[in-house]
Amino acid sequence: MMYINFDYLRSKFKPNWGYLSIYSKNKTPCKSQKMTTRIKLLLILLNSFFISPSQEINQIRQLEGIYQGQVEDGYSFCYKTASGFEKTLVINEILSVILEKYPLHINTYVGENFIISFTKDTIIEEKRSREISTILRLQKLVPRRHFQE
């Protein structure tokens, strides 16, 4: 039976988490499996870095307009359409990505009001090439004040 001795890793290799070793029952390193496990862990780590952010960025680019709301269990936003109707949009993953990149809620509590603005800007570099970028604007709301366009 194989297992990873995490207590040993914490005590000996805390500054360098890139080193993981596998031990057999008699706690001797298995050199052939040590490298295989390192490669698997490295691939899992790289997979999470390279696949997830690109998908989340694509989701962010699909949103336009101004979203006003409160942080709750999920992130609920009420926004006004062009015709003046109000709709509710619930986005969990997108807002968490935005808040990681733009730390809005440092030393605050759940339930604080805020506004997120999504605008698309078209940048023309040459006659035939265009680059579309997303501009995010986060703004805290003062309590008991409402957003005015």
C-alpha atoms as a PDB file:
ATOM      1  CA  MET A   1       0.000   0.000   0.000  1.00  0.00           C
ATOM      2  CA  MET A   2       1.353   3.427  -0.967  1.00  0.00           C
ATOM      3  CA  TYR A   3       0.736   6.704   0.820  1.00  0.00           C
ATOM      4  CA  ILE A   4       2.056  10.258   0.918  1.00  0.00           C
ATOM      5  CA  ASN A   5       3.536  11.311   4.238  1.00  0.00           C
ATOM      6  CA  PHE A   6       2.336  14.929   4.504  1.00  0.00           C
ATOM      7  CA  ASP A   7       3.564  15.390   8.092  1.00  0.00           C
ATOM      8  CA  TYR A   8       7.071  14.626   6.955  1.00  0.00           C
ATOM      9  CA  LEU A   9       6.701  17.074   4.070  1.00  0.00           C
ATOM     10  CA  ARG A  10       5.425  19.844   6.322  1.00  0.00           C
ATOM     11  CA  SER A  11       8.324  19.424   8.743  1.00  0.00           C
ATOM     12  CA  LYS A  12      11.136  19.109   6.212  1.00  0.00           C
ATOM     13  CA  PHE A  13      10.088  20.844   3.009  1.00  0.00           C
ATOM     14  CA  LYS A  14       7.745  23.655   4.043  1.00  0.00           C
ATOM     15  CA  PRO A  15       9.540  26.382   2.012  1.00  0.00           C
ATOM     16  CA  ASN A  16       9.638  24.194  -1.094  1.00  0.00           C
ATOM     17  CA  TRP A  17       6.242  22.589  -1.791  1.00  0.00           C
ATOM     18  CA  GLY A  18       7.397  21.372  -5.196  1.00  0.00           C
ATOM     19  CA  TYR A  19       8.893  18.247  -3.594  1.00  0.00           C
ATOM     20  CA  LEU A  20       6.557  15.325  -2.895  1.00  0.00           C
ATOM     21  CA  SER A  21       7.704  11.800  -2.284  1.00  0.00           C
ATOM     22  CA  ILE A  22       5.912   8.479  -2.082  1.00  0.00           C
ATOM     23  CA  TYR A  23       6.807   5.881   0.500  1.00  0.00           C
ATOM     24  CA  SER A  24       6.143   2.159   0.604  1.00  0.00           C
ATOM     25  CA  LYS A  25       5.109   0.285   3.757  1.00  0.00           C
ATOM     26  CA  ASN A  26       8.638   0.322   5.132  1.00  0.00           C
ATOM     27  CA  LYS A  27       8.865   4.103   4.473  1.00  0.00           C
ATOM     28  CA  THR A  28      11.572   3.931   1.845  1.00  0.00           C
ATOM     29  CA  PRO A  29      11.199   6.167  -1.200  1.00  0.00           C
ATOM     30  CA  CYS A  30      10.102   4.472  -4.405  1.00  0.00           C
ATOM     31  CA  LYS A  31      12.252   6.253  -6.984  1.00  0.00           C
ATOM     32  CA  SER A  32      10.363   5.052 -10.042  1.00  0.00           C
ATOM     33  CA  GLN A  33       7.009   6.198  -8.680  1.00  0.00           C
ATOM     34  CA  LYS A  34       8.395   9.403  -7.186  1.00  0.00           C
ATOM     35  CA  MET A  35       8.994  10.969 -10.589  1.00  0.00           C
ATOM     36  CA  THR A  36       5.676   9.737 -11.988  1.00  0.00           C
ATOM     37  CA  THR A  37       3.761  11.294  -9.108  1.00  0.00           C
ATOM     38  CA  ARG A  38       5.635  14.576  -9.490  1.00  0.00           C
ATOM     39  CA  ILE A  39       4.735  14.694 -13.171  1.00  0.00           C
ATOM     40  CA  LYS A  40       1.068  13.938 -12.452  1.00  0.00           C
ATOM     41  CA  LEU A  41       0.865  16.615  -9.767  1.00  0.00           C
ATOM     42  CA  LEU A  42       2.600  19.118 -12.028  1.00  0.00           C
ATOM     43  CA  LEU A  43       0.167  18.397 -14.873  1.00  0.00           C
ATOM     44  CA  ILE A  44      -2.828  18.783 -12.559  1.00  0.00           C
ATOM     45  CA  LEU A  45      -1.457  22.090 -11.298  1.00  0.00           C
ATOM     46  CA  LEU A  46      -0.723  23.406 -14.796  1.00  0.00           C
ATOM     47  CA  ASN A  47      -4.134  22.272 -16.018  1.00  0.00           C
ATOM     48  CA  SER A  48      -5.881  24.356 -13.372  1.00  0.00           C
ATOM     49  CA  PHE A  49      -3.833  27.448 -14.258  1.00  0.00           C
ATOM     50  CA  PHE A  50      -4.169  27.303 -18.024  1.00  0.00           C
ATOM     51  CA  ILE A  51      -7.726  26.094 -18.616  1.00  0.00           C
ATOM     52  CA  SER A  52      -9.800  27.855 -15.976  1.00  0.00           C
ATOM     53  CA  PRO A  53      -8.719  31.505 -16.397  1.00  0.00           C
ATOM     54  CA  SER A  54      -9.315  31.533 -20.156  1.00  0.00           C
ATOM     55  CA  GLN A  55     -12.824  30.139 -19.740  1.00  0.00           C
ATOM     56  CA  GLU A  56     -13.630  32.664 -17.017  1.00  0.00           C
ATOM     57  CA  ILE A  57     -12.298  35.559 -19.098  1.00  0.00           C
ATOM     58  CA  ASN A  58     -14.597  34.509 -21.951  1.00  0.00           C
ATOM     59  CA  GLN A  59     -17.533  34.520 -19.542  1.00  0.00           C
ATOM     60  CA  ILE A  60     -16.628  38.009 -18.338  1.00  0.00           C
ATOM     61  CA  ARG A  61     -16.460  39.329 -21.910  1.00  0.00           C
ATOM     62  CA  GLN A  62     -20.024  38.204 -22.572  1.00  0.00           C
ATOM     63  CA  LEU A  63     -21.390  40.622 -19.970  1.00  0.00           C
ATOM     64  CA  GLU A  64     -22.096  44.248 -20.683  1.00  0.00           C
ATOM     65  CA  GLY A  65     -23.821  46.954 -18.698  1.00  0.00           C
ATOM     66  CA  ILE A  66     -23.898  47.985 -15.080  1.00  0.00           C
ATOM     67  CA  TYR A  67     -24.670  45.502 -12.323  1.00  0.00           C
ATOM     68  CA  GLN A  68     -25.709  46.643  -8.888  1.00  0.00           C
ATOM     69  CA  GLY A  69     -26.247  44.273  -5.999  1.00  0.00           C
ATOM     70  CA  GLN A  70     -25.179  42.734  -2.732  1.00  0.00           C
ATOM     71  CA  VAL A  71     -22.940  39.861  -1.815  1.00  0.00           C
ATOM     72  CA  GLU A  72     -25.075  37.040  -0.466  1.00  0.00           C
ATOM     73  CA  ASP A  73     -24.715  33.256  -0.581  1.00  0.00           C
ATOM     74  CA  GLY A  74     -24.533  33.671  -4.336  1.00  0.00           C
ATOM     75  CA  TYR A  75     -23.810  36.991  -6.007  1.00  0.00           C
ATOM     76  CA  SER A  76     -27.127  38.522  -7.095  1.00  0.00           C
ATOM     77  CA  PHE A  77     -27.299  41.651  -9.194  1.00  0.00           C
ATOM     78  CA  CYS A  78     -30.242  43.756 -10.241  1.00  0.00           C
ATOM     79  CA  TYR A  79     -29.692  45.708 -13.443  1.00  0.00           C
ATOM     80  CA  LYS A  80     -31.783  47.961 -15.662  1.00  0.00           C
ATOM     81  CA  THR A  81     -32.314  47.191 -19.323  1.00  0.00           C
ATOM     82  CA  ALA A  82     -32.527  49.797 -22.076  1.00  0.00           C
ATOM     83  CA  SER A  83     -36.325  49.810 -21.833  1.00  0.00           C
ATOM     84  CA  GLY A  84     -36.205  50.486 -18.081  1.00  0.00           C
ATOM     85  CA  PHE A  85     -37.175  47.038 -16.810  1.00  0.00           C
ATOM     86  CA  GLU A  86     -35.240  45.508 -13.957  1.00  0.00           C
ATOM     87  CA  LYS A  87     -33.845  42.000 -14.225  1.00  0.00           C
ATOM     88  CA  THR A  88     -31.952  39.846 -11.761  1.00  0.00           C
ATOM     89  CA  LEU A  89     -28.733  38.152 -12.775  1.00  0.00           C
ATOM     90  CA  VAL A  90     -26.954  35.606 -10.580  1.00  0.00           C
ATOM     91  CA  ILE A  91     -23.275  35.095 -11.306  1.00  0.00           C
ATOM     92  CA  ASN A  92     -21.035  33.173  -8.949  1.00  0.00           C
ATOM     93  CA  GLU A  93     -17.858  32.238 -10.803  1.00  0.00           C
ATOM     94  CA  ILE A  94     -17.470  35.460 -12.747  1.00  0.00           C
ATOM     95  CA  LEU A  95     -17.645  37.732  -9.736  1.00  0.00           C
ATOM     96  CA  SER A  96     -15.250  35.597  -7.736  1.00  0.00           C
ATOM     97  CA  VAL A  97     -12.700  35.943 -10.539  1.00  0.00           C
ATOM     98  CA  ILE A  98     -13.205  39.696 -10.641  1.00  0.00           C
ATOM     99  CA  LEU A  99     -12.861  40.036  -6.888  1.00  0.00           C
ATOM    100  CA  GLU A 100      -9.630  38.037  -6.987  1.00  0.00           C
ATOM    101  CA  LYS A 101      -8.146  40.344  -9.611  1.00  0.00           C
ATOM    102  CA  TYR A 102      -9.582  43.521  -8.119  1.00  0.00           C
ATOM    103  CA  PRO A 103      -9.731  43.165  -4.298  1.00  0.00           C
ATOM    104  CA  LEU A 104     -12.916  45.053  -3.468  1.00  0.00           C
ATOM    105  CA  HIS A 105     -13.858  43.324  -0.244  1.00  0.00           C
ATOM    106  CA  ILE A 106     -10.716  43.535   1.843  1.00  0.00           C
ATOM    107  CA  ASN A 107     -11.665  44.027   5.506  1.00  0.00           C
ATOM    108  CA  THR A 108     -15.376  44.230   4.711  1.00  0.00           C
ATOM    109  CA  TYR A 109     -18.342  42.055   5.543  1.00  0.00           C
ATOM    110  CA  VAL A 110     -20.786  40.019   3.500  1.00  0.00           C
ATOM    111  CA  GLY A 111     -23.690  42.176   2.369  1.00  0.00           C
ATOM    112  CA  GLU A 112     -21.838  45.310   1.306  1.00  0.00           C
ATOM    113  CA  ASN A 113     -23.232  47.167  -1.714  1.00  0.00           C
ATOM    114  CA  PHE A 114     -21.151  47.640  -4.799  1.00  0.00           C
ATOM    115  CA  ILE A 115     -21.351  48.267  -8.544  1.00  0.00           C
ATOM    116  CA  ILE A 116     -19.505  46.477 -11.315  1.00  0.00           C
ATOM    117  CA  SER A 117     -19.432  48.065 -14.760  1.00  0.00           C
ATOM    118  CA  PHE A 118     -18.565  46.053 -17.857  1.00  0.00           C
ATOM    119  CA  THR A 119     -17.761  48.000 -20.998  1.00  0.00           C
ATOM    120  CA  LYS A 120     -16.359  46.748 -24.261  1.00  0.00           C
ATOM    121  CA  ASP A 121     -13.730  48.851 -25.955  1.00  0.00           C
ATOM    122  CA  THR A 122     -12.651  48.289 -29.538  1.00  0.00           C
ATOM    123  CA  ILE A 123      -9.039  49.102 -30.286  1.00  0.00           C
ATOM    124  CA  ILE A 124      -7.982  49.277 -33.936  1.00  0.00           C
ATOM    125  CA  GLU A 125      -4.251  48.684 -34.376  1.00  0.00           C
ATOM    126  CA  GLU A 126      -4.127  48.490 -38.160  1.00  0.00           C
ATOM    127  CA  LYS A 127      -6.685  48.698 -40.957  1.00  0.00           C
ATOM    128  CA  ARG A 128      -7.602  45.009 -40.847  1.00  0.00           C
ATOM    129  CA  SER A 129      -6.935  43.959 -37.247  1.00  0.00           C
ATOM    130  CA  ARG A 130      -9.113  44.712 -34.242  1.00  0.00           C
ATOM    131  CA  GLU A 131      -8.654  43.891 -30.615  1.00  0.00           C
ATOM    132  CA  ILE A 132     -11.603  43.841 -28.233  1.00  0.00           C
ATOM    133  CA  SER A 133     -10.818  44.277 -24.567  1.00  0.00           C
ATOM    134  CA  THR A 134     -13.021  44.273 -21.482  1.00  0.00           C
ATOM    135  CA  ILE A 135     -12.771  47.121 -19.006  1.00  0.00           C
ATOM    136  CA  LEU A 136     -13.955  46.417 -15.477  1.00  0.00           C
ATOM    137  CA  ARG A 137     -14.872  49.161 -13.031  1.00  0.00           C
ATOM    138  CA  LEU A 138     -15.652  48.363  -9.407  1.00  0.00           C
ATOM    139  CA  GLN A 139     -17.172  51.025  -7.193  1.00  0.00           C
ATOM    140  CA  LYS A 140     -18.321  50.764  -3.600  1.00  0.00           C
ATOM    141  CA  LEU A 141     -21.680  52.254  -2.733  1.00  0.00           C
ATOM    142  CA  VAL A 142     -22.154  54.362   0.368  1.00  0.00           C
ATOM    143  CA  PRO A 143     -24.820  52.751   2.598  1.00  0.00           C
ATOM    144  CA  ARG A 144     -28.390  53.951   1.887  1.00  0.00           C
ATOM    145  CA  ARG A 145     -27.402  55.503  -1.432  1.00  0.00           C
ATOM    146  CA  HIS A 146     -28.579  54.194  -4.756  1.00  0.00           C
ATOM    147  CA  PHE A 147     -26.782  54.065  -8.044  1.00  0.00           C
ATOM    148  CA  GLN A 148     -27.688  56.882 -10.424  1.00  0.00           C
ATOM    149  CA  GLU A 149     -26.901  56.670 -14.127  1.00  0.00           C
END
